Amino acid sequence: MSIYIFLMDTLYLQQRYQYKSFESVTVNRDWIWEDATINILLEQASRALGELNAFSLIVPDNSEVS
């Protein structure tokens, strides 16, 4: 249910020549959270993904070796 509400807030129906299409609203806007700890969790997740990306460059990929 919350996904549906989220989509309805970010899309609107635009009349075209002979059809209608869904257009998205601007993405680059301020986000307001009900709980401020979400910012901390997003920062931690972003840092962990960066570390995982760096680690994947160090470890050799042996999936192609038979």
C-alpha atoms as a PDB file:
ATOM      1  CA  MET A   1       0.000   0.000   0.000  1.00  0.00           C
ATOM      2  CA  SER A   2       2.805   2.457   0.814  1.00  0.00           C
ATOM      3  CA  ILE A   3       4.499   1.734  -2.534  1.00  0.00           C
ATOM      4  CA  TYR A   4       1.294   2.637  -4.341  1.00  0.00           C
ATOM      5  CA  ILE A   5       1.052   5.912  -2.428  1.00  0.00           C
ATOM      6  CA  PHE A   6       4.713   6.640  -3.176  1.00  0.00           C
ATOM      7  CA  LEU A   7       4.140   6.096  -6.908  1.00  0.00           C
ATOM      8  CA  MET A   8       1.073   8.304  -6.936  1.00  0.00           C
ATOM      9  CA  ASP A   9       3.118  11.117  -5.357  1.00  0.00           C
ATOM     10  CA  THR A  10       5.882  10.853  -7.951  1.00  0.00           C
ATOM     11  CA  LEU A  11       3.878  10.354 -11.160  1.00  0.00           C
ATOM     12  CA  TYR A  12       1.237  12.383 -12.913  1.00  0.00           C
ATOM     13  CA  LEU A  13      -0.806  11.829 -16.044  1.00  0.00           C
ATOM     14  CA  GLN A  14       0.207  14.019 -18.994  1.00  0.00           C
ATOM     15  CA  GLN A  15      -2.016  14.487 -22.048  1.00  0.00           C
ATOM     16  CA  ARG A  16      -0.156  13.947 -25.307  1.00  0.00           C
ATOM     17  CA  TYR A  17      -1.355  14.257 -28.893  1.00  0.00           C
ATOM     18  CA  GLN A  18      -3.513  11.117 -29.075  1.00  0.00           C
ATOM     19  CA  TYR A  19      -2.583   9.373 -25.850  1.00  0.00           C
ATOM     20  CA  LYS A  20      -1.792   9.963 -22.205  1.00  0.00           C
ATOM     21  CA  SER A  21       1.470   9.101 -20.517  1.00  0.00           C
ATOM     22  CA  PHE A  22       2.791   8.991 -16.971  1.00  0.00           C
ATOM     23  CA  GLU A  23       5.425  11.612 -16.266  1.00  0.00           C
ATOM     24  CA  SER A  24       7.637  11.687 -13.197  1.00  0.00           C
ATOM     25  CA  VAL A  25       8.106  14.699 -10.984  1.00  0.00           C
ATOM     26  CA  THR A  26      11.550  16.072 -10.260  1.00  0.00           C
ATOM     27  CA  VAL A  27      13.700  13.672  -8.303  1.00  0.00           C
ATOM     28  CA  ASN A  28      16.233  16.156  -6.978  1.00  0.00           C
ATOM     29  CA  ARG A  29      14.221  17.495  -4.035  1.00  0.00           C
ATOM     30  CA  ASP A  30      14.534  17.573  -0.275  1.00  0.00           C
ATOM     31  CA  TRP A  31      13.504  14.430   1.571  1.00  0.00           C
ATOM     32  CA  ILE A  32      11.814  14.689   4.922  1.00  0.00           C
ATOM     33  CA  TRP A  33      11.922  11.631   7.179  1.00  0.00           C
ATOM     34  CA  GLU A  34       9.675  10.964  10.134  1.00  0.00           C
ATOM     35  CA  ASP A  35      12.647   9.395  11.925  1.00  0.00           C
ATOM     36  CA  ALA A  36      16.051  11.078  11.665  1.00  0.00           C
ATOM     37  CA  THR A  37      17.892   7.779  12.190  1.00  0.00           C
ATOM     38  CA  ILE A  38      17.099   6.923   8.569  1.00  0.00           C
ATOM     39  CA  ASN A  39      19.852   9.359   7.517  1.00  0.00           C
ATOM     40  CA  ILE A  40      22.359   7.521   9.696  1.00  0.00           C
ATOM     41  CA  LEU A  41      21.298   4.147   8.297  1.00  0.00           C
ATOM     42  CA  LEU A  42      21.559   5.434   4.710  1.00  0.00           C
ATOM     43  CA  GLU A  43      25.056   6.762   5.383  1.00  0.00           C
ATOM     44  CA  GLN A  44      26.126   3.434   6.882  1.00  0.00           C
ATOM     45  CA  ALA A  45      24.668   1.507   3.940  1.00  0.00           C
ATOM     46  CA  SER A  46      26.370   3.809   1.455  1.00  0.00           C
ATOM     47  CA  ARG A  47      29.713   3.382   3.206  1.00  0.00           C
ATOM     48  CA  ALA A  48      29.304  -0.411   3.304  1.00  0.00           C
ATOM     49  CA  LEU A  49      28.543  -0.505  -0.431  1.00  0.00           C
ATOM     50  CA  GLY A  50      31.654   1.575  -1.117  1.00  0.00           C
ATOM     51  CA  GLU A  51      33.775  -0.816   0.939  1.00  0.00           C
ATOM     52  CA  LEU A  52      32.276  -3.802  -0.865  1.00  0.00           C
ATOM     53  CA  ASN A  53      33.009  -2.182  -4.219  1.00  0.00           C
ATOM     54  CA  ALA A  54      36.622  -1.529  -3.222  1.00  0.00           C
ATOM     55  CA  PHE A  55      37.000  -5.105  -1.965  1.00  0.00           C
ATOM     56  CA  SER A  56      35.647  -6.482  -5.246  1.00  0.00           C
ATOM     57  CA  LEU A  57      38.474  -4.733  -7.095  1.00  0.00           C
ATOM     58  CA  ILE A  58      41.079  -6.457  -4.925  1.00  0.00           C
ATOM     59  CA  VAL A  59      39.717 -10.014  -5.008  1.00  0.00           C
ATOM     60  CA  PRO A  60      40.309 -11.763  -8.350  1.00  0.00           C
ATOM     61  CA  ASP A  61      37.307 -13.042 -10.285  1.00  0.00           C
ATOM     62  CA  ASN A  62      37.757 -16.806 -10.717  1.00  0.00           C
ATOM     63  CA  SER A  63      34.321 -17.472 -12.181  1.00  0.00           C
ATOM     64  CA  GLU A  64      35.720 -17.760 -15.706  1.00  0.00           C
ATOM     65  CA  VAL A  65      38.265 -20.436 -14.740  1.00  0.00           C
ATOM     66  CA  SER A  66      37.042 -23.962 -15.483  1.00  0.00           C
END
